[in-house]
């Protein structure tokens, strides 16, 4: 892996973006250098770990934000370690398309210490027809970030007679918004006869929806076009954009826009000297009054109270 100063800074930038999105299962690979960038990498990994742990603890302590355990990394390998199948969640996690992963040996995605662990441990387990173990592995994403996780490794005989296969799975926490102070206004409603919408998303669909996600984050001061027009711009249809976005991010497109506007405004109030009117304009609110109402509904206090 390249270890130039420019590359190291780019990895730090990518890490900060992932943390801003709420992805706290990434880390940075330490280098052998002893300089300011190396120190920053160590500190960033420590902060990331502390924030991630705090979010999980807060979720268990607050019943309204209990974290969910989901299998986000799942790979099917042959006995040589060649990747034969990969889930969409794994592609998103590793920042790569299926064609960039399938056909590779799993060790091509690992750090050097993990390659040694894999080579040593799998020799024993591949001598059996069925075997299960847990290995702590570090996988490298396309962007140079690390996914360091305990992985469940299962060896089994395929029913189609193609021999033994290896399944690699890992469980992650999916966390909700941790900073709300007010109690939820609406109780959970269960309505009979209404089916949840599900859409099948290809890797290209997922990439398109992530582009919409990033476009929203980078243009919080602007109003979104109608969903049908936005979908047309992205080469898809309104149905797939609407329900695909909710399937990936757990909320609607417009609710996500409001949530991120309020999140940014909260940061600006706390860490800038901009006036509340300027902040309202920068985050896309039509008027200070509208901004104040929305902010209070989200955080339990007005922008004026927060700045205090």
Protein backbone atom coordinates (compact mmCIF):
# COMPACT_ATOMS: atom_id res chain seq x y z
CA UNK A 1 0.00 0.00 0.00
CA UNK A 2 1.35 3.47 -0.83
CA UNK A 3 2.68 5.35 2.17
CA UNK A 4 3.35 8.82 0.79
CA UNK A 5 2.29 11.83 2.86
CA UNK A 6 -0.33 12.77 0.24
CA UNK A 7 -1.88 9.30 0.34
CA UNK A 8 -1.87 9.26 4.14
CA UNK A 9 -3.66 12.62 4.29
CA UNK A 10 -6.24 11.44 1.73
CA UNK A 11 -6.95 8.39 3.92
CA UNK A 12 -7.44 10.67 6.94
CA UNK A 13 -9.85 12.81 4.90
CA UNK A 14 -11.81 9.71 3.83
CA UNK A 15 -11.89 8.45 7.42
CA UNK A 16 -13.33 11.77 8.65
CA UNK A 17 -16.03 11.65 5.97
CA UNK A 18 -17.02 8.13 7.03
CA UNK A 19 -17.17 9.21 10.67
CA UNK A 20 -19.37 12.15 9.66
CA UNK A 21 -21.74 9.67 8.01
CA UNK A 22 -21.91 7.65 11.21
CA UNK A 23 -19.68 4.78 10.07
CA UNK A 24 -17.49 4.06 13.09
CA UNK A 25 -16.32 0.57 12.09
CA UNK A 26 -13.50 1.90 9.90
CA UNK A 27 -9.96 2.61 11.11
CA UNK A 28 -6.62 3.68 9.63
CA UNK A 29 -3.60 1.45 9.26
CA UNK A 30 -0.66 2.78 11.34
CA UNK A 31 2.62 3.40 9.53
CA UNK A 32 6.22 2.87 10.58
CA UNK A 33 6.85 6.60 10.38
CA UNK A 34 7.16 8.70 13.51
CA UNK A 35 5.80 12.09 12.46
CA UNK A 36 2.79 14.34 12.96
CA UNK A 37 0.64 12.42 10.47
CA UNK A 38 1.37 9.14 12.25
CA UNK A 39 0.38 10.73 15.57
CA UNK A 40 -2.81 12.05 14.00
CA UNK A 41 -3.67 8.57 12.71
CA UNK A 42 -3.30 7.10 16.20
CA UNK A 43 -5.43 9.85 17.75
CA UNK A 44 -8.12 9.56 15.06
CA UNK A 45 -8.37 5.79 15.55
CA UNK A 46 -8.73 6.30 19.31
CA UNK A 47 -11.41 8.98 18.89
CA UNK A 48 -13.28 6.85 16.36
CA UNK A 49 -13.26 3.88 18.71
CA UNK A 50 -14.45 5.97 21.66
CA UNK A 51 -17.29 7.60 19.69
CA UNK A 52 -18.39 4.25 18.25
CA UNK A 53 -18.43 2.66 21.71
CA UNK A 54 -20.32 5.63 23.15
CA UNK A 55 -22.99 5.41 20.43
CA UNK A 56 -23.49 1.71 21.08
CA UNK A 57 -23.70 2.25 24.84
CA UNK A 58 -26.16 5.11 24.38
CA UNK A 59 -28.30 2.89 22.16
CA UNK A 60 -28.54 0.18 24.80
CA UNK A 61 -29.21 2.75 27.54
CA UNK A 62 -31.95 4.49 25.54
CA UNK A 63 -34.72 2.16 24.41
CA UNK A 64 -35.71 4.54 21.61
CA UNK A 65 -32.31 4.16 19.90
CA UNK A 66 -31.42 0.53 20.53
CA UNK A 67 -28.75 -0.54 18.01
CA UNK A 68 -29.51 -3.33 15.60
CA UNK A 69 -27.07 -6.16 14.82
CA UNK A 70 -26.82 -6.75 11.07
CA UNK A 71 -24.60 -8.90 8.88
CA UNK A 72 -23.05 -6.34 6.57
CA UNK A 73 -19.98 -8.31 5.46
CA UNK A 74 -20.66 -11.68 3.82
CA UNK A 75 -18.43 -13.49 1.31
CA UNK A 76 -18.49 -16.97 -0.25
CA UNK A 77 -15.06 -18.46 -1.01
CA UNK A 78 -13.66 -21.66 -2.45
CA UNK A 79 -11.05 -23.64 -0.51
CA UNK A 80 -8.25 -21.62 -2.12
CA UNK A 81 -9.73 -18.43 -0.72
CA UNK A 82 -11.01 -17.14 -4.08
CA UNK A 83 -14.14 -15.01 -3.67
CA UNK A 84 -17.09 -16.50 -5.59
CA UNK A 85 -20.01 -14.43 -4.30
CA UNK A 86 -20.38 -11.11 -2.47
CA UNK A 87 -23.39 -9.27 -1.04
CA UNK A 88 -24.33 -5.68 -1.87
CA UNK A 89 -23.66 -4.72 1.75
CA UNK A 90 -20.12 -6.06 1.46
CA UNK A 91 -19.56 -4.08 -1.74
CA UNK A 92 -20.74 -0.89 -0.03
CA UNK A 93 -18.56 -1.60 3.01
CA UNK A 94 -15.46 -2.25 0.89
CA UNK A 95 -16.24 0.64 -1.52
CA UNK A 96 -16.00 -1.62 -4.56
CA UNK A 97 -18.22 -3.16 -7.24
CA UNK A 98 -18.81 -6.95 -7.31
CA UNK A 99 -16.60 -7.31 -10.41
CA UNK A 100 -13.74 -5.73 -8.45
CA UNK A 101 -14.08 -8.31 -5.67
CA UNK A 102 -15.30 -11.57 -7.24
CA UNK A 103 -12.37 -13.64 -8.50
CA UNK A 104 -9.88 -12.11 -6.08
CA UNK A 105 -8.25 -14.10 -3.35
CA UNK A 106 -9.47 -12.99 0.07
CA UNK A 107 -5.87 -12.36 1.14
CA UNK A 108 -5.60 -9.58 -1.47
CA UNK A 109 -8.02 -7.60 0.71
CA UNK A 110 -6.14 -8.23 3.98
CA UNK A 111 -3.35 -6.49 5.87
CA UNK A 112 -0.10 -8.43 6.24
CA UNK A 113 -0.79 -9.58 9.84
CA UNK A 114 -4.24 -10.86 8.80
CA UNK A 115 -2.75 -12.74 5.83
CA UNK A 116 -0.53 -14.63 8.25
CA UNK A 117 -3.44 -15.40 10.58
CA UNK A 118 -5.60 -16.60 7.69
CA UNK A 119 -2.89 -18.79 6.15
CA UNK A 120 -2.01 -20.37 9.50
CA UNK A 121 -5.51 -20.99 10.86
CA UNK A 122 -7.27 -22.09 7.66
CA UNK A 123 -4.84 -24.96 7.04
CA UNK A 124 -6.27 -26.76 10.08
CA UNK A 125 -9.91 -25.95 9.40
CA UNK A 126 -9.75 -26.97 5.73
CA UNK A 127 -8.73 -30.49 6.75
CA UNK A 128 -12.29 -31.05 7.99
CA UNK A 129 -15.51 -31.40 6.00
CA UNK A 130 -17.28 -29.05 8.41
CA UNK A 131 -15.67 -26.49 10.66
CA UNK A 132 -16.43 -23.16 12.31
CA UNK A 133 -14.16 -20.61 13.93
CA UNK A 134 -13.88 -16.88 14.65
CA UNK A 135 -10.88 -14.89 13.40
CA UNK A 136 -10.09 -11.24 13.99
CA UNK A 137 -9.27 -9.92 10.51
CA UNK A 138 -8.36 -6.56 9.02
CA UNK A 139 -9.72 -5.98 5.50
CA UNK A 140 -8.60 -3.01 3.38
CA UNK A 141 -11.23 -1.03 1.48
CA UNK A 142 -10.67 0.41 -1.98
CA UNK A 143 -10.18 3.81 -0.29
CA UNK A 144 -7.40 2.48 1.96
CA UNK A 145 -9.44 2.28 5.17
CA UNK A 146 -9.43 -0.75 7.46
CA UNK A 147 -12.40 -2.85 8.49
CA UNK A 148 -11.15 -4.65 11.61
CA UNK A 149 -13.74 -7.17 12.79
CA UNK A 150 -14.24 -10.58 14.36
CA UNK A 151 -15.32 -12.74 11.43
CA UNK A 152 -17.28 -15.99 11.62
CA UNK A 153 -15.61 -18.51 9.27
CA UNK A 154 -17.65 -21.58 8.28
CA UNK A 155 -16.39 -24.48 6.16
CA UNK A 156 -19.06 -26.77 4.64
CA UNK A 157 -19.74 -29.21 1.81
CA UNK A 158 -21.73 -27.69 -1.06
CA UNK A 159 -24.92 -29.62 -1.89
CA UNK A 160 -24.31 -29.34 -5.65
CA UNK A 161 -21.21 -31.55 -5.42
CA UNK A 162 -18.77 -28.73 -6.13
CA UNK A 163 -16.79 -29.52 -2.97
CA UNK A 164 -16.15 -27.53 0.15
CA UNK A 165 -16.87 -23.82 0.45
CA UNK A 166 -16.01 -21.13 2.97
CA UNK A 167 -18.45 -18.50 4.22
CA UNK A 168 -17.05 -15.38 5.90
CA UNK A 169 -19.56 -13.27 7.84
CA UNK A 170 -19.27 -10.36 10.25
CA UNK A 171 -21.87 -8.54 12.35
CA UNK A 172 -22.01 -4.75 12.66
CA UNK A 173 -24.09 -2.36 14.71
CA UNK A 174 -26.61 -0.15 12.94
CA UNK A 175 -27.17 2.93 15.08
CA UNK A 176 -29.80 5.67 15.11
CA UNK A 177 -29.54 9.41 15.78
CA UNK A 178 -27.94 9.70 19.26
CA UNK A 179 -28.33 13.39 20.07
CA UNK A 180 -32.06 14.01 20.34
CA UNK A 181 -33.11 15.36 23.71
CA UNK A 182 -36.89 15.39 23.43
CA UNK A 183 -39.16 12.39 23.85
CA UNK A 184 -40.70 11.02 20.66
CA UNK A 185 -44.03 12.65 19.95
CA UNK A 186 -45.61 9.76 18.09
CA UNK A 187 -46.00 6.23 19.32
CA UNK A 188 -45.25 3.30 17.08
CA UNK A 189 -48.32 2.42 15.04
CA UNK A 190 -48.97 -1.00 13.59
CA UNK A 191 -51.43 -0.95 10.71
CA UNK A 192 -52.84 -4.20 9.43
CA UNK A 193 -52.94 -4.91 5.75
CA UNK A 194 -50.13 -2.52 4.75
CA UNK A 195 -47.09 -4.23 3.28
CA UNK A 196 -43.62 -2.74 3.49
CA UNK A 197 -42.20 -1.74 0.11
CA UNK A 198 -39.08 -3.61 -0.92
CA UNK A 199 -37.01 -3.10 -4.04
CA UNK A 200 -34.15 -5.14 -5.41
CA UNK A 201 -31.07 -2.97 -5.77
CA UNK A 202 -28.16 -3.69 -8.09
CA UNK A 203 -24.67 -2.37 -7.25
CA UNK A 204 -25.29 0.36 -9.83
CA UNK A 205 -28.54 1.32 -8.06
CA UNK A 206 -26.71 1.49 -4.73
CA UNK A 207 -24.03 3.71 -6.25
CA UNK A 208 -26.71 5.98 -7.74
CA UNK A 209 -28.49 6.30 -4.38
CA UNK A 210 -25.20 7.06 -2.63
CA UNK A 211 -24.63 9.82 -5.19
CA UNK A 212 -28.03 11.29 -4.29
CA UNK A 213 -27.08 11.01 -0.62
CA UNK A 214 -23.81 12.87 -1.23
CA UNK A 215 -25.53 15.47 -3.42
CA UNK A 216 -27.92 16.27 -0.56
CA UNK A 217 -25.06 16.63 1.92
CA UNK A 218 -23.18 18.97 -0.40
CA UNK A 219 -26.21 21.18 -1.20
CA UNK A 220 -28.08 21.62 2.06
CA UNK A 221 -28.80 25.26 1.22
CA UNK A 222 -30.72 24.30 -1.92
CA UNK A 223 -34.17 22.79 -2.33
CA UNK A 224 -34.40 19.34 -3.88
CA UNK A 225 -36.23 18.93 -7.18
CA UNK A 226 -39.31 16.72 -7.31
CA UNK A 227 -38.38 13.08 -6.77
CA UNK A 228 -39.56 12.14 -10.27
CA UNK A 229 -37.30 14.83 -11.76
CA UNK A 230 -34.36 13.82 -9.56
CA UNK A 231 -34.86 10.17 -10.52
CA UNK A 232 -34.91 11.14 -14.21
CA UNK A 233 -31.62 13.03 -13.76
CA UNK A 234 -30.08 9.89 -12.25
CA UNK A 235 -31.40 7.54 -14.93
CA UNK A 236 -33.84 5.67 -12.72
CA UNK A 237 -37.50 5.87 -11.69
CA UNK A 238 -39.17 7.57 -8.74
CA UNK A 239 -40.22 4.28 -7.13
CA UNK A 240 -36.72 2.83 -7.04
CA UNK A 241 -35.17 6.07 -5.80
CA UNK A 242 -37.81 6.59 -3.11
CA UNK A 243 -37.88 3.10 -1.63
CA UNK A 244 -34.24 2.28 -2.40
CA UNK A 245 -33.09 5.33 -0.44
CA UNK A 246 -35.23 4.30 2.52
CA UNK A 247 -33.97 0.73 2.29
CA UNK A 248 -30.32 1.86 2.49
CA UNK A 249 -30.53 4.85 4.84
CA UNK A 250 -33.62 4.00 6.87
CA UNK A 251 -35.45 7.24 6.12
CA UNK A 252 -37.06 9.14 3.24
CA UNK A 253 -35.12 11.47 0.95
CA UNK A 254 -36.79 14.64 2.25
CA UNK A 255 -36.66 13.60 5.89
CA UNK A 256 -32.94 12.93 5.46
CA UNK A 257 -32.53 16.41 3.95
CA UNK A 258 -34.23 18.02 6.97
CA UNK A 259 -32.24 15.88 9.39
CA UNK A 260 -28.91 16.87 7.82
CA UNK A 261 -29.88 20.54 7.63
CA UNK A 262 -30.61 20.52 11.36
CA UNK A 263 -27.44 18.59 12.13
CA UNK A 264 -25.32 21.11 10.20
CA UNK A 265 -27.10 24.07 11.78
CA UNK A 266 -26.46 22.65 15.25
CA UNK A 267 -22.74 22.41 14.47
CA UNK A 268 -22.63 25.97 13.10
CA UNK A 269 -24.45 27.35 16.15
CA UNK A 270 -22.02 25.66 18.51
CA UNK A 271 -18.77 26.24 16.62
CA UNK A 272 -19.14 29.45 14.59
CA UNK A 273 -19.89 33.13 15.12
CA UNK A 274 -22.41 33.30 12.26
CA UNK A 275 -25.75 34.88 13.07
CA UNK A 276 -28.77 32.60 13.40
CA UNK A 277 -30.27 34.25 10.32
CA UNK A 278 -27.14 33.42 8.29
CA UNK A 279 -27.17 29.83 9.57
CA UNK A 280 -30.84 29.43 8.67
CA UNK A 281 -30.11 30.66 5.12
CA UNK A 282 -27.00 28.44 4.77
CA UNK A 283 -28.95 25.34 5.77
CA UNK A 284 -31.90 25.93 3.45
CA UNK A 285 -34.60 27.17 5.84
CA UNK A 286 -37.00 29.73 4.36
CA UNK A 287 -37.18 31.88 7.47
CA UNK A 288 -35.70 32.13 10.98
CA UNK A 289 -39.12 31.26 12.41
CA UNK A 290 -39.33 28.06 10.37
CA UNK A 291 -35.76 27.23 11.35
CA UNK A 292 -36.49 27.79 15.04
CA UNK A 293 -39.60 25.56 15.01
CA UNK A 294 -37.85 22.71 13.21
CA UNK A 295 -34.79 22.96 15.44
CA UNK A 296 -36.85 22.88 18.62
CA UNK A 297 -38.82 19.88 17.36
CA UNK A 298 -35.56 18.02 16.77
CA UNK A 299 -33.41 19.02 19.75
CA UNK A 300 -35.90 20.18 22.39
CA UNK A 301 -34.59 23.76 22.48
CA UNK A 302 -34.45 26.74 20.13
CA UNK A 303 -31.27 27.88 18.32
CA UNK A 304 -31.21 30.93 20.62
CA UNK A 305 -31.35 28.69 23.71
CA UNK A 306 -28.52 26.50 22.39
CA UNK A 307 -26.24 29.45 21.70
CA UNK A 308 -27.24 30.91 25.06
